[in-house]
C-alpha cells in the first residue's frame, strides 16, 4: 500500500518547469503518432512504424516527466521532498540526506 501511496503523492506533487515542458513535448509526440496511426489513408509501412515509435516515446516521456518531483530546501537548509512531505534525512531510501541517523 505504501508504494501506491508514494506513486499517487509523486503524481500530484509539484513538477519542475523543465519537466513540465518535457511533458508537453511528450504529449505532442504521442498525439502526432496516434493521429498518423489512426489516419484512414493508406500510408507506407515505414511511416506507420515511425508513428508507433513516436506515440510510445511520447507516452513514456510524459509519464516520466509527470513523476518527477520538485525537491525544495527545508527551513533548516536540508533537502525537503515535497512528494512525501518529509525531510529526506529521515528517509532511508533517499540519497539527499546525511548518512547519520538521528537519535531524538
N, C-alpha and C. Protein backbone atom coordinates (compact mmCIF):
# COMPACT_ATOMS: atom_id res chain seq x y z
N UNK A 1 0.82 -1.19 0.00
CA UNK A 1 0.00 0.00 0.00
C UNK A 1 0.87 1.26 0.00
N UNK A 2 2.02 1.19 0.65
CA UNK A 2 2.91 2.34 0.71
C UNK A 2 3.41 2.72 -0.68
N UNK A 3 3.64 1.74 -1.55
CA UNK A 3 4.12 2.01 -2.90
C UNK A 3 3.06 2.76 -3.70
N UNK A 4 1.82 2.34 -3.61
CA UNK A 4 0.74 3.01 -4.32
C UNK A 4 0.59 4.44 -3.82
N UNK A 5 0.65 4.62 -2.51
CA UNK A 5 0.54 5.96 -1.94
C UNK A 5 1.70 6.84 -2.40
N UNK A 6 2.90 6.28 -2.49
CA UNK A 6 4.06 7.03 -2.97
C UNK A 6 3.87 7.47 -4.42
N UNK A 7 3.34 6.58 -5.26
CA UNK A 7 3.10 6.91 -6.67
C UNK A 7 2.06 8.02 -6.78
N UNK A 8 0.99 7.93 -6.00
CA UNK A 8 -0.05 8.97 -6.03
C UNK A 8 0.52 10.31 -5.55
N UNK A 9 1.32 10.27 -4.49
CA UNK A 9 1.93 11.51 -3.99
C UNK A 9 2.86 12.12 -5.02
N UNK A 10 3.65 11.31 -5.69
CA UNK A 10 4.57 11.83 -6.72
C UNK A 10 3.80 12.41 -7.90
N UNK A 11 2.71 11.77 -8.30
CA UNK A 11 1.94 12.25 -9.45
C UNK A 11 1.24 13.57 -9.16
N UNK A 12 0.88 13.79 -7.90
CA UNK A 12 0.14 15.01 -7.56
C UNK A 12 1.04 16.12 -6.99
N UNK A 13 2.32 15.85 -6.83
CA UNK A 13 3.25 16.85 -6.30
C UNK A 13 3.65 17.84 -7.39
N UNK A 14 4.19 18.99 -6.99
CA UNK A 14 4.65 19.97 -7.99
C UNK A 14 5.75 19.40 -8.87
N UNK A 15 5.69 19.74 -10.15
CA UNK A 15 6.67 19.29 -11.13
C UNK A 15 7.56 20.47 -11.53
N UNK A 16 8.87 20.28 -11.62
CA UNK A 16 9.75 21.38 -12.05
C UNK A 16 9.39 21.86 -13.47
N UNK A 17 9.68 23.13 -13.73
CA UNK A 17 9.31 23.75 -15.01
C UNK A 17 9.89 23.00 -16.20
N UNK A 18 11.15 22.59 -16.12
CA UNK A 18 11.78 21.87 -17.23
C UNK A 18 11.00 20.60 -17.57
N UNK A 19 10.57 19.86 -16.55
CA UNK A 19 9.86 18.61 -16.80
C UNK A 19 8.43 18.86 -17.24
N UNK A 20 7.84 20.01 -16.90
CA UNK A 20 6.54 20.36 -17.46
C UNK A 20 6.65 20.56 -18.96
N UNK A 21 7.74 21.19 -19.39
CA UNK A 21 7.98 21.39 -20.82
C UNK A 21 8.18 20.05 -21.51
N UNK A 22 8.98 19.17 -20.91
CA UNK A 22 9.17 17.83 -21.49
C UNK A 22 7.86 17.05 -21.54
N UNK A 23 7.03 17.19 -20.53
CA UNK A 23 5.74 16.50 -20.51
C UNK A 23 4.87 16.97 -21.68
N UNK A 24 4.88 18.28 -21.92
CA UNK A 24 4.10 18.83 -23.03
C UNK A 24 4.62 18.32 -24.37
N UNK A 25 5.94 18.29 -24.53
CA UNK A 25 6.53 17.77 -25.76
C UNK A 25 6.15 16.30 -25.94
N UNK A 26 6.18 15.53 -24.86
CA UNK A 26 5.80 14.13 -24.94
C UNK A 26 4.35 13.95 -25.35
N UNK A 27 3.46 14.79 -24.82
CA UNK A 27 2.06 14.70 -25.19
C UNK A 27 1.85 15.05 -26.66
N UNK A 28 2.61 16.03 -27.16
CA UNK A 28 2.51 16.40 -28.57
C UNK A 28 3.00 15.23 -29.45
N UNK A 29 4.14 14.63 -29.08
CA UNK A 29 4.65 13.50 -29.85
C UNK A 29 3.66 12.33 -29.86
N UNK A 30 3.08 12.05 -28.71
CA UNK A 30 2.11 10.96 -28.63
C UNK A 30 0.87 11.28 -29.47
N UNK A 31 0.45 12.53 -29.44
CA UNK A 31 -0.70 12.93 -30.25
C UNK A 31 -0.44 12.82 -31.74
N UNK A 32 0.74 13.26 -32.17
CA UNK A 32 1.09 13.16 -33.59
C UNK A 32 1.18 11.69 -34.01
N UNK A 33 1.84 10.89 -33.20
CA UNK A 33 1.95 9.47 -33.52
C UNK A 33 0.60 8.78 -33.59
N UNK A 34 -0.26 9.07 -32.62
CA UNK A 34 -1.60 8.49 -32.63
C UNK A 34 -2.43 8.94 -33.81
N UNK A 35 -2.29 10.21 -34.19
CA UNK A 35 -3.05 10.72 -35.34
C UNK A 35 -2.61 10.06 -36.64
N UNK A 36 -1.31 9.88 -36.80
CA UNK A 36 -0.81 9.23 -38.02
C UNK A 36 -1.25 7.77 -38.06
N UNK A 37 -1.20 7.10 -36.93
CA UNK A 37 -1.63 5.70 -36.89
C UNK A 37 -3.11 5.57 -37.22
N UNK A 38 -3.93 6.51 -36.74
CA UNK A 38 -5.37 6.44 -36.93
C UNK A 38 -5.84 7.00 -38.27
N UNK A 39 -4.94 7.51 -39.09
CA UNK A 39 -5.31 8.07 -40.38
C UNK A 39 -5.93 6.99 -41.26
N UNK A 40 -7.11 7.27 -41.85
CA UNK A 40 -7.74 6.24 -42.68
C UNK A 40 -7.05 6.05 -44.04
N UNK A 41 -6.18 6.97 -44.43
CA UNK A 41 -5.49 6.84 -45.71
C UNK A 41 -4.42 5.76 -45.62
N UNK A 42 -4.10 5.19 -46.75
CA UNK A 42 -3.07 4.16 -46.81
C UNK A 42 -1.71 4.86 -46.82
N UNK A 43 -0.89 4.55 -45.82
CA UNK A 43 0.44 5.14 -45.71
C UNK A 43 1.48 4.04 -45.77
N UNK A 44 2.68 4.38 -46.18
CA UNK A 44 3.75 3.37 -46.20
C UNK A 44 4.00 2.79 -44.80
N UNK A 45 4.44 1.57 -44.77
CA UNK A 45 4.69 0.86 -43.50
C UNK A 45 5.73 1.58 -42.66
N UNK A 46 6.72 2.20 -43.29
CA UNK A 46 7.77 2.90 -42.54
C UNK A 46 7.19 4.07 -41.76
N UNK A 47 6.25 4.78 -42.37
CA UNK A 47 5.64 5.93 -41.68
C UNK A 47 4.79 5.46 -40.51
N UNK A 48 4.05 4.39 -40.70
CA UNK A 48 3.23 3.84 -39.61
C UNK A 48 4.13 3.35 -38.48
N UNK A 49 5.24 2.74 -38.83
CA UNK A 49 6.18 2.26 -37.81
C UNK A 49 6.78 3.42 -37.03
N UNK A 50 7.20 4.47 -37.72
CA UNK A 50 7.75 5.66 -37.05
C UNK A 50 6.70 6.31 -36.16
N UNK A 51 5.46 6.35 -36.63
CA UNK A 51 4.38 6.94 -35.82
C UNK A 51 4.17 6.13 -34.54
N UNK A 52 4.28 4.82 -34.63
CA UNK A 52 4.16 3.98 -33.44
C UNK A 52 5.25 4.27 -32.43
N UNK A 53 6.48 4.43 -32.93
CA UNK A 53 7.59 4.77 -32.05
C UNK A 53 7.40 6.15 -31.43
N UNK A 54 6.89 7.10 -32.22
CA UNK A 54 6.62 8.45 -31.68
C UNK A 54 5.58 8.39 -30.56
N UNK A 55 4.53 7.61 -30.77
CA UNK A 55 3.48 7.51 -29.75
C UNK A 55 4.02 6.90 -28.46
N UNK A 56 4.80 5.84 -28.58
CA UNK A 56 5.36 5.20 -27.38
C UNK A 56 6.36 6.12 -26.69
N UNK A 57 7.25 6.74 -27.46
CA UNK A 57 8.24 7.64 -26.86
C UNK A 57 7.56 8.83 -26.18
N UNK A 58 6.54 9.37 -26.81
CA UNK A 58 5.81 10.49 -26.20
C UNK A 58 5.11 10.09 -24.92
N UNK A 59 4.53 8.91 -24.90
CA UNK A 59 3.87 8.44 -23.68
C UNK A 59 4.84 8.21 -22.54
N UNK A 60 5.98 7.62 -22.84
CA UNK A 60 7.00 7.38 -21.81
C UNK A 60 7.56 8.70 -21.30
N UNK A 61 7.85 9.61 -22.22
CA UNK A 61 8.39 10.92 -21.84
C UNK A 61 7.41 11.67 -20.94
N UNK A 62 6.14 11.62 -21.27
CA UNK A 62 5.13 12.30 -20.45
C UNK A 62 4.99 11.67 -19.08
N UNK A 63 4.99 10.35 -19.03
CA UNK A 63 4.83 9.65 -17.76
C UNK A 63 6.02 9.90 -16.83
N UNK A 64 7.22 9.81 -17.36
CA UNK A 64 8.41 10.02 -16.54
C UNK A 64 8.47 11.47 -16.07
N UNK A 65 8.14 12.39 -16.95
CA UNK A 65 8.17 13.81 -16.57
C UNK A 65 7.14 14.12 -15.49
N UNK A 66 5.98 13.46 -15.53
CA UNK A 66 4.95 13.71 -14.53
C UNK A 66 5.37 13.18 -13.17
N UNK A 67 6.15 12.12 -13.14
CA UNK A 67 6.56 11.53 -11.87
C UNK A 67 7.76 12.23 -11.24
N UNK A 68 8.35 13.18 -11.93
CA UNK A 68 9.48 13.92 -11.38
C UNK A 68 8.97 14.90 -10.33
N UNK A 69 9.64 14.94 -9.18
CA UNK A 69 9.18 15.74 -8.06
C UNK A 69 10.14 16.89 -7.80
N UNK A 70 9.57 18.03 -7.49
CA UNK A 70 10.36 19.20 -7.14
C UNK A 70 10.88 19.03 -5.71
N UNK A 71 12.20 19.08 -5.54
CA UNK A 71 12.82 18.97 -4.22
C UNK A 71 13.19 20.37 -3.77
N UNK A 72 12.59 20.79 -2.67
CA UNK A 72 12.81 22.14 -2.15
C UNK A 72 13.61 22.07 -0.85
N UNK A 73 14.41 23.08 -0.56
CA UNK A 73 15.13 23.06 0.72
C UNK A 73 14.16 23.31 1.88
N UNK A 74 14.40 22.61 2.96
CA UNK A 74 13.61 22.80 4.16
C UNK A 74 14.04 24.09 4.85
N UNK A 75 13.28 24.59 5.82
CA UNK A 75 13.67 25.82 6.50
C UNK A 75 15.05 25.76 7.15
N UNK A 76 15.49 24.56 7.54
CA UNK A 76 16.81 24.45 8.16
C UNK A 76 17.91 24.20 7.13
N UNK A 77 17.59 24.21 5.83
CA UNK A 77 18.59 24.09 4.79
C UNK A 77 18.77 22.71 4.22
N UNK A 78 18.22 21.68 4.87
CA UNK A 78 18.33 20.32 4.35
C UNK A 78 17.31 20.14 3.22
N UNK A 79 17.56 19.21 2.30
CA UNK A 79 16.60 18.97 1.22
C UNK A 79 15.26 18.51 1.78
N UNK A 80 14.19 18.93 1.16
CA UNK A 80 12.83 18.60 1.57
C UNK A 80 12.12 17.99 0.39
N UNK A 81 11.55 16.81 0.55
CA UNK A 81 10.86 16.12 -0.53
C UNK A 81 9.38 16.50 -0.46
N UNK A 82 8.93 17.29 -1.43
CA UNK A 82 7.55 17.76 -1.40
C UNK A 82 6.55 16.64 -1.68
N UNK A 83 6.99 15.54 -2.29
CA UNK A 83 6.08 14.43 -2.56
C UNK A 83 5.71 13.69 -1.28
N UNK A 84 6.69 13.54 -0.39
CA UNK A 84 6.43 12.80 0.84
C UNK A 84 6.13 13.73 2.00
N UNK A 85 6.45 14.99 1.87
CA UNK A 85 6.19 15.93 2.95
C UNK A 85 7.14 15.77 4.12
N UNK A 86 8.29 15.16 3.87
CA UNK A 86 9.26 14.94 4.93
C UNK A 86 10.64 15.37 4.48
N UNK A 87 11.50 15.58 5.44
CA UNK A 87 12.89 15.87 5.09
C UNK A 87 13.54 14.56 4.71
N UNK A 88 14.36 14.59 3.68
CA UNK A 88 14.96 13.37 3.15
C UNK A 88 15.95 12.72 4.10
N UNK A 89 16.44 13.44 5.09
CA UNK A 89 17.41 12.86 6.02
C UNK A 89 16.82 11.67 6.75
N UNK A 90 15.53 11.73 7.04
CA UNK A 90 14.88 10.66 7.79
C UNK A 90 14.41 9.52 6.90
N UNK A 91 14.50 9.67 5.59
CA UNK A 91 14.05 8.65 4.66
C UNK A 91 15.22 7.72 4.34
N UNK A 92 15.16 6.44 4.72
CA UNK A 92 16.28 5.54 4.48
C UNK A 92 16.53 5.25 2.99
N UNK A 93 15.53 5.46 2.12
CA UNK A 93 15.70 5.19 0.70
C UNK A 93 16.16 6.42 -0.07
N UNK A 94 16.35 7.54 0.60
CA UNK A 94 16.71 8.78 -0.07
C UNK A 94 18.22 8.95 -0.14
N UNK A 95 18.68 9.58 -1.20
CA UNK A 95 20.10 9.87 -1.35
C UNK A 95 20.43 11.31 -1.00
N UNK A 96 19.44 12.09 -0.59
CA UNK A 96 19.66 13.51 -0.36
C UNK A 96 20.14 13.83 1.05
N UNK A 97 19.73 13.04 2.01
CA UNK A 97 20.03 13.38 3.40
C UNK A 97 21.42 12.93 3.83
N UNK A 98 21.75 13.25 5.06
CA UNK A 98 23.03 12.81 5.63
C UNK A 98 22.96 11.32 5.92
N UNK A 99 24.09 10.65 5.97
CA UNK A 99 24.09 9.22 6.24
C UNK A 99 23.96 8.93 7.74
N UNK A 100 24.05 9.98 8.56
CA UNK A 100 23.92 9.79 10.01
C UNK A 100 22.45 9.59 10.35
N UNK A 101 22.22 8.86 11.43
CA UNK A 101 20.84 8.69 11.88
C UNK A 101 20.62 9.58 13.08
N UNK A 102 19.44 10.06 13.18
CA UNK A 102 19.09 10.99 14.26
C UNK A 102 18.69 10.17 15.49
N UNK A 103 19.17 10.57 16.67
CA UNK A 103 18.82 9.89 17.91
C UNK A 103 18.01 10.83 18.78
N UNK A 104 16.82 11.16 18.27
CA UNK A 104 15.93 12.10 19.00
C UNK A 104 14.95 11.33 19.84
